[in-house]
N, C-alpha and C. Protein backbone atom coordinates (compact mmCIF):
# COMPACT_ATOMS: atom_id res chain seq x y z
N UNK A 1 22.07 109.37 43.50
CA UNK A 1 23.31 109.52 44.31
C UNK A 1 23.96 108.17 44.55
N UNK A 2 23.15 107.12 44.78
CA UNK A 2 23.71 105.79 44.99
C UNK A 2 24.45 105.31 43.77
N UNK A 3 23.91 105.63 42.58
CA UNK A 3 24.55 105.22 41.34
C UNK A 3 25.96 105.85 41.23
N UNK A 4 26.09 107.12 41.66
CA UNK A 4 27.36 107.79 41.60
C UNK A 4 28.40 107.10 42.51
N UNK A 5 27.97 106.72 43.69
CA UNK A 5 28.86 106.02 44.65
C UNK A 5 29.30 104.65 44.09
N UNK A 6 28.36 103.93 43.48
CA UNK A 6 28.71 102.64 42.90
C UNK A 6 29.67 102.84 41.74
N UNK A 7 29.41 103.83 40.92
CA UNK A 7 30.29 104.15 39.78
C UNK A 7 31.71 104.52 40.29
N UNK A 8 31.75 105.37 41.29
CA UNK A 8 33.05 105.79 41.86
C UNK A 8 33.79 104.57 42.41
N UNK A 9 33.10 103.68 43.08
CA UNK A 9 33.74 102.50 43.64
C UNK A 9 34.27 101.61 42.49
N UNK A 10 33.53 101.44 41.42
CA UNK A 10 33.99 100.66 40.29
C UNK A 10 35.21 101.27 39.65
N UNK A 11 35.24 102.57 39.51
CA UNK A 11 36.41 103.25 38.90
C UNK A 11 37.64 103.02 39.76
N UNK A 12 37.49 103.16 41.05
CA UNK A 12 38.66 102.98 41.96
C UNK A 12 39.12 101.52 41.89
N UNK A 13 38.16 100.58 41.87
CA UNK A 13 38.52 99.15 41.79
C UNK A 13 39.24 98.86 40.48
N UNK A 14 38.74 99.41 39.38
CA UNK A 14 39.36 99.18 38.07
C UNK A 14 40.75 99.72 38.04
N UNK A 15 40.95 100.95 38.53
CA UNK A 15 42.30 101.55 38.52
C UNK A 15 43.26 100.78 39.39
N UNK A 16 42.80 100.33 40.55
CA UNK A 16 43.64 99.56 41.47
C UNK A 16 44.04 98.25 40.86
N UNK A 17 43.09 97.57 40.28
CA UNK A 17 43.38 96.24 39.65
C UNK A 17 44.30 96.42 38.45
N UNK A 18 44.10 97.45 37.68
CA UNK A 18 44.95 97.70 36.51
C UNK A 18 46.36 97.97 36.92
N UNK A 19 46.58 98.75 37.96
CA UNK A 19 47.94 99.05 38.44
C UNK A 19 48.59 97.76 38.99
N UNK A 20 47.81 96.96 39.70
CA UNK A 20 48.30 95.72 40.25
C UNK A 20 48.68 94.73 39.13
N UNK A 21 47.86 94.63 38.09
CA UNK A 21 48.19 93.73 36.99
C UNK A 21 49.40 94.20 36.25
N UNK A 22 49.53 95.50 36.05
CA UNK A 22 50.73 96.02 35.34
C UNK A 22 52.00 95.70 36.13
N UNK A 23 51.94 95.84 37.46
CA UNK A 23 53.09 95.57 38.30
C UNK A 23 53.44 94.06 38.19
N UNK A 24 52.45 93.19 38.25
CA UNK A 24 52.70 91.75 38.15
C UNK A 24 53.26 91.39 36.75
N UNK A 25 52.76 92.07 35.73
CA UNK A 25 53.24 91.81 34.38
C UNK A 25 54.70 92.19 34.25
N UNK A 26 55.09 93.37 34.77
CA UNK A 26 56.48 93.81 34.72
C UNK A 26 57.38 92.85 35.52
N UNK A 27 56.95 92.48 36.72
CA UNK A 27 57.71 91.56 37.53
C UNK A 27 57.89 90.19 36.84
N UNK A 28 56.84 89.74 36.15
CA UNK A 28 56.89 88.45 35.47
C UNK A 28 57.89 88.54 34.31
N UNK A 29 57.85 89.61 33.53
CA UNK A 29 58.78 89.79 32.43
C UNK A 29 60.23 89.80 32.95
N UNK A 30 60.42 90.55 34.03
CA UNK A 30 61.78 90.68 34.62
C UNK A 30 62.28 89.32 35.12
N UNK A 31 61.41 88.57 35.82
CA UNK A 31 61.81 87.25 36.35
C UNK A 31 62.05 86.26 35.21
N UNK A 32 61.12 86.14 34.29
CA UNK A 32 61.22 85.13 33.22
C UNK A 32 62.43 85.35 32.31
N UNK A 33 62.85 86.61 32.17
CA UNK A 33 63.97 86.91 31.27
C UNK A 33 65.27 87.18 31.99
N UNK A 34 65.29 86.94 33.31
CA UNK A 34 66.50 87.20 34.13
C UNK A 34 67.05 88.59 33.89
N UNK A 35 66.16 89.55 33.79
CA UNK A 35 66.55 90.91 33.41
C UNK A 35 67.54 91.53 34.45
N UNK A 36 67.41 91.21 35.69
CA UNK A 36 68.22 91.86 36.70
C UNK A 36 69.66 91.31 36.73
N UNK A 37 69.97 90.30 35.96
CA UNK A 37 71.33 89.76 36.00
C UNK A 37 72.10 89.99 34.70
N UNK A 38 71.52 90.71 33.75
CA UNK A 38 72.13 90.84 32.44
C UNK A 38 73.04 92.02 32.26
N UNK A 39 73.08 92.92 33.26
CA UNK A 39 73.96 94.09 33.19
C UNK A 39 74.78 94.18 34.45
N UNK A 40 76.02 94.64 34.31
CA UNK A 40 76.86 94.85 35.48
C UNK A 40 76.40 96.11 36.23
N UNK A 41 76.70 96.19 37.52
CA UNK A 41 76.25 97.28 38.35
C UNK A 41 76.72 98.63 37.85
N UNK A 42 77.98 98.78 37.40
CA UNK A 42 78.39 100.14 36.90
C UNK A 42 77.50 100.61 35.75
N UNK A 43 77.14 99.69 34.83
CA UNK A 43 76.34 100.08 33.69
C UNK A 43 74.88 100.29 34.09
N UNK A 44 74.39 99.53 35.07
CA UNK A 44 73.06 99.78 35.59
C UNK A 44 72.99 101.17 36.14
N UNK A 45 73.99 101.60 36.89
CA UNK A 45 74.03 102.96 37.47
C UNK A 45 74.09 104.03 36.37
N UNK A 46 74.90 103.77 35.34
CA UNK A 46 74.99 104.73 34.25
C UNK A 46 73.63 104.87 33.51
N UNK A 47 73.00 103.76 33.22
CA UNK A 47 71.69 103.79 32.53
C UNK A 47 70.67 104.47 33.42
N UNK A 48 70.67 104.16 34.68
CA UNK A 48 69.71 104.78 35.62
C UNK A 48 69.89 106.29 35.65
N UNK A 49 71.15 106.73 35.74
CA UNK A 49 71.41 108.16 35.76
C UNK A 49 71.00 108.82 34.48
N UNK A 50 71.24 108.17 33.37
CA UNK A 50 70.86 108.69 32.07
C UNK A 50 69.34 108.86 31.93
N UNK A 51 68.59 107.96 32.54
CA UNK A 51 67.14 107.96 32.41
C UNK A 51 66.46 108.77 33.51
N UNK A 52 66.83 108.53 34.75
CA UNK A 52 66.10 109.10 35.89
C UNK A 52 66.73 110.37 36.45
N UNK A 53 67.94 110.69 36.00
CA UNK A 53 68.58 111.93 36.46
C UNK A 53 69.12 112.62 35.17
N UNK A 54 70.27 113.26 35.33
CA UNK A 54 70.91 113.83 34.13
C UNK A 54 72.30 113.27 34.02
N UNK A 55 72.53 112.59 32.96
CA UNK A 55 73.84 111.95 32.75
C UNK A 55 73.89 111.32 31.40
N UNK A 56 75.05 110.77 31.09
CA UNK A 56 75.22 110.11 29.80
C UNK A 56 75.58 108.64 30.05
N UNK A 57 75.53 107.89 28.97
CA UNK A 57 75.84 106.45 29.06
C UNK A 57 76.93 106.12 28.04
N UNK A 58 77.93 105.38 28.50
CA UNK A 58 79.07 105.06 27.68
C UNK A 58 78.76 104.01 26.61
N UNK A 59 79.61 103.88 25.64
CA UNK A 59 79.45 102.88 24.58
C UNK A 59 79.38 101.48 25.19
N UNK A 60 80.24 101.18 26.17
CA UNK A 60 80.27 99.88 26.82
C UNK A 60 78.93 99.59 27.45
N UNK A 61 78.38 100.55 28.15
CA UNK A 61 77.12 100.35 28.87
C UNK A 61 75.96 100.34 27.88
N UNK A 62 76.07 101.04 26.76
CA UNK A 62 75.08 100.92 25.69
C UNK A 62 75.03 99.49 25.16
N UNK A 63 76.21 98.88 24.99
CA UNK A 63 76.27 97.49 24.55
C UNK A 63 75.51 96.61 25.53
N UNK A 64 75.74 96.82 26.80
CA UNK A 64 75.07 95.99 27.83
C UNK A 64 73.56 96.27 27.83
N UNK A 65 73.18 97.54 27.68
CA UNK A 65 71.76 97.89 27.69
C UNK A 65 71.02 97.23 26.54
N UNK A 66 71.60 97.32 25.34
CA UNK A 66 70.95 96.72 24.16
C UNK A 66 70.98 95.20 24.31
N UNK A 67 72.06 94.65 24.90
CA UNK A 67 72.11 93.24 25.15
C UNK A 67 71.04 92.78 26.14
N UNK A 68 70.63 93.67 27.02
CA UNK A 68 69.57 93.40 27.99
C UNK A 68 68.25 93.13 27.24
N UNK A 69 68.02 93.88 26.16
CA UNK A 69 66.82 93.71 25.38
C UNK A 69 65.75 94.74 25.70
N UNK A 70 64.98 95.08 24.71
CA UNK A 70 63.95 96.12 24.83
C UNK A 70 62.89 95.76 25.87
N UNK A 71 62.45 94.51 25.90
CA UNK A 71 61.41 94.12 26.86
C UNK A 71 61.90 94.27 28.30
N UNK A 72 63.13 93.80 28.56
CA UNK A 72 63.68 93.96 29.91
C UNK A 72 63.84 95.43 30.27
N UNK A 73 64.41 96.20 29.34
CA UNK A 73 64.61 97.61 29.56
C UNK A 73 63.33 98.33 29.93
N UNK A 74 62.29 98.11 29.13
CA UNK A 74 61.01 98.76 29.40
C UNK A 74 60.40 98.29 30.71
N UNK A 75 60.48 96.98 30.98
CA UNK A 75 59.88 96.47 32.25
C UNK A 75 60.60 97.01 33.46
N UNK A 76 61.93 97.12 33.39
CA UNK A 76 62.64 97.63 34.54
C UNK A 76 62.35 99.11 34.78
N UNK A 77 62.27 99.89 33.72
CA UNK A 77 61.93 101.32 33.86
C UNK A 77 60.52 101.44 34.46
N UNK A 78 59.58 100.71 33.92
CA UNK A 78 58.20 100.80 34.43
C UNK A 78 58.11 100.35 35.90
N UNK A 79 58.84 99.29 36.24
CA UNK A 79 58.83 98.85 37.65
C UNK A 79 59.43 99.89 38.56
N UNK A 80 60.49 100.56 38.10
CA UNK A 80 61.10 101.61 38.91
C UNK A 80 60.10 102.74 39.13
N UNK A 81 59.36 103.09 38.09
CA UNK A 81 58.37 104.15 38.22
C UNK A 81 57.24 103.78 39.22
N UNK A 82 57.00 102.50 39.39
CA UNK A 82 55.96 102.05 40.33
C UNK A 82 56.45 102.13 41.78
N UNK A 83 57.74 102.27 41.98
CA UNK A 83 58.32 102.34 43.34
C UNK A 83 57.90 103.68 43.96
N UNK A 84 57.40 103.65 45.20
CA UNK A 84 56.98 104.89 45.87
C UNK A 84 58.10 105.93 46.03
N UNK A 85 59.36 105.48 46.00
CA UNK A 85 60.49 106.44 46.11
C UNK A 85 60.55 107.39 44.94
N UNK A 86 59.93 106.99 43.82
CA UNK A 86 59.99 107.77 42.59
C UNK A 86 58.65 108.37 42.23
N UNK A 87 57.78 108.52 43.21
CA UNK A 87 56.42 109.01 42.96
C UNK A 87 56.36 110.43 42.46
N UNK A 88 57.42 111.21 42.75
CA UNK A 88 57.44 112.64 42.35
C UNK A 88 57.92 112.82 40.92
N UNK A 89 58.37 111.78 40.28
CA UNK A 89 58.84 111.87 38.89
C UNK A 89 57.65 111.87 37.93
N UNK A 90 57.80 112.52 36.82
CA UNK A 90 56.76 112.51 35.80
C UNK A 90 56.97 111.33 34.85
N UNK A 91 56.05 110.36 34.90
CA UNK A 91 56.24 109.13 34.09
C UNK A 91 56.46 109.41 32.61
N UNK A 92 55.73 110.38 32.05
CA UNK A 92 55.86 110.67 30.63
C UNK A 92 57.28 111.13 30.29
N UNK A 93 57.84 111.95 31.15
CA UNK A 93 59.21 112.42 30.95
C UNK A 93 60.23 111.28 31.07
N UNK A 94 60.05 110.46 32.06
CA UNK A 94 60.97 109.34 32.27
C UNK A 94 60.89 108.33 31.11
N UNK A 95 59.67 108.00 30.67
CA UNK A 95 59.55 107.07 29.54
C UNK A 95 60.15 107.67 28.27
N UNK A 96 60.00 108.97 28.07
CA UNK A 96 60.60 109.62 26.92
C UNK A 96 62.15 109.55 26.99
N UNK A 97 62.70 109.78 28.20
CA UNK A 97 64.15 109.69 28.38
C UNK A 97 64.61 108.26 28.21
N UNK A 98 63.82 107.30 28.64
CA UNK A 98 64.15 105.88 28.48
C UNK A 98 64.21 105.53 26.99
N UNK A 99 63.25 105.96 26.23
CA UNK A 99 63.22 105.72 24.76
C UNK A 99 64.40 106.40 24.10
N UNK A 100 64.68 107.64 24.51
CA UNK A 100 65.79 108.39 23.94
C UNK A 100 67.12 107.66 24.25
N UNK A 101 67.33 107.22 25.46
CA UNK A 101 68.52 106.51 25.82
C UNK A 101 68.65 105.22 25.01
N UNK A 102 67.56 104.49 24.89
CA UNK A 102 67.56 103.25 24.12
C UNK A 102 67.94 103.52 22.64
N UNK A 103 67.30 104.50 22.06
CA UNK A 103 67.57 104.83 20.64
C UNK A 103 69.00 105.34 20.45
N UNK A 104 69.48 106.17 21.37
CA UNK A 104 70.89 106.64 21.29
C UNK A 104 71.86 105.45 21.37
N UNK A 105 71.54 104.49 22.23
CA UNK A 105 72.44 103.34 22.33
C UNK A 105 72.39 102.50 21.06
N UNK A 106 71.23 102.34 20.46
CA UNK A 106 71.17 101.59 19.21
C UNK A 106 72.01 102.27 18.16
N UNK A 107 71.97 103.58 18.05
CA UNK A 107 72.79 104.33 17.08
C UNK A 107 74.27 104.12 17.39
N UNK A 108 74.65 104.22 18.65
CA UNK A 108 76.04 104.07 19.05
C UNK A 108 76.61 102.69 18.70
N UNK A 109 75.84 101.65 18.98
CA UNK A 109 76.39 100.34 18.73
C UNK A 109 76.27 99.92 17.28
N UNK A 110 75.39 100.57 16.53
CA UNK A 110 75.27 100.23 15.10
C UNK A 110 76.23 101.02 14.22
N UNK A 111 76.77 102.14 14.75
CA UNK A 111 77.71 102.93 13.95
C UNK A 111 79.10 102.29 13.98
N UNK A 112 79.81 102.39 12.86
CA UNK A 112 81.16 101.81 12.87
C UNK A 112 82.07 102.54 13.79
N UNK A 113 82.91 101.84 14.48
CA UNK A 113 83.84 102.49 15.42
C UNK A 113 85.03 103.07 14.61
N UNK A 114 85.52 104.24 15.09
CA UNK A 114 86.64 104.87 14.36
C UNK A 114 87.88 103.99 14.46
N UNK A 115 88.61 103.94 13.39
CA UNK A 115 89.87 103.15 13.37
C UNK A 115 91.01 104.03 13.80
N UNK A 116 91.99 103.40 14.39
CA UNK A 116 93.14 104.17 14.94
C UNK A 116 94.15 104.43 13.86
């Protein structure tokens, strides 16, 4: 029985440390790359709505999102998921929507714009 308690304590410690290290890693990526200053507020809100709610993102905001970079984009999404305000969201769904938004933006900015 004592072995089970020690094992349980180690599992809890491992999970807690892992979550803490992931949070520090995301914060470090965000800080080192100035991720929070690379997009204007209107585009941040559009991207957020596209990923965390139901909405679309404009071509202009796709340009800003891709300009932000994949590392910043992923770190910001992961950090948002760590926020207790978003504890009821399903991380797998949000990450899938994040990837979908990123890929859609890549297609939008790589496709030739229609000429007038």
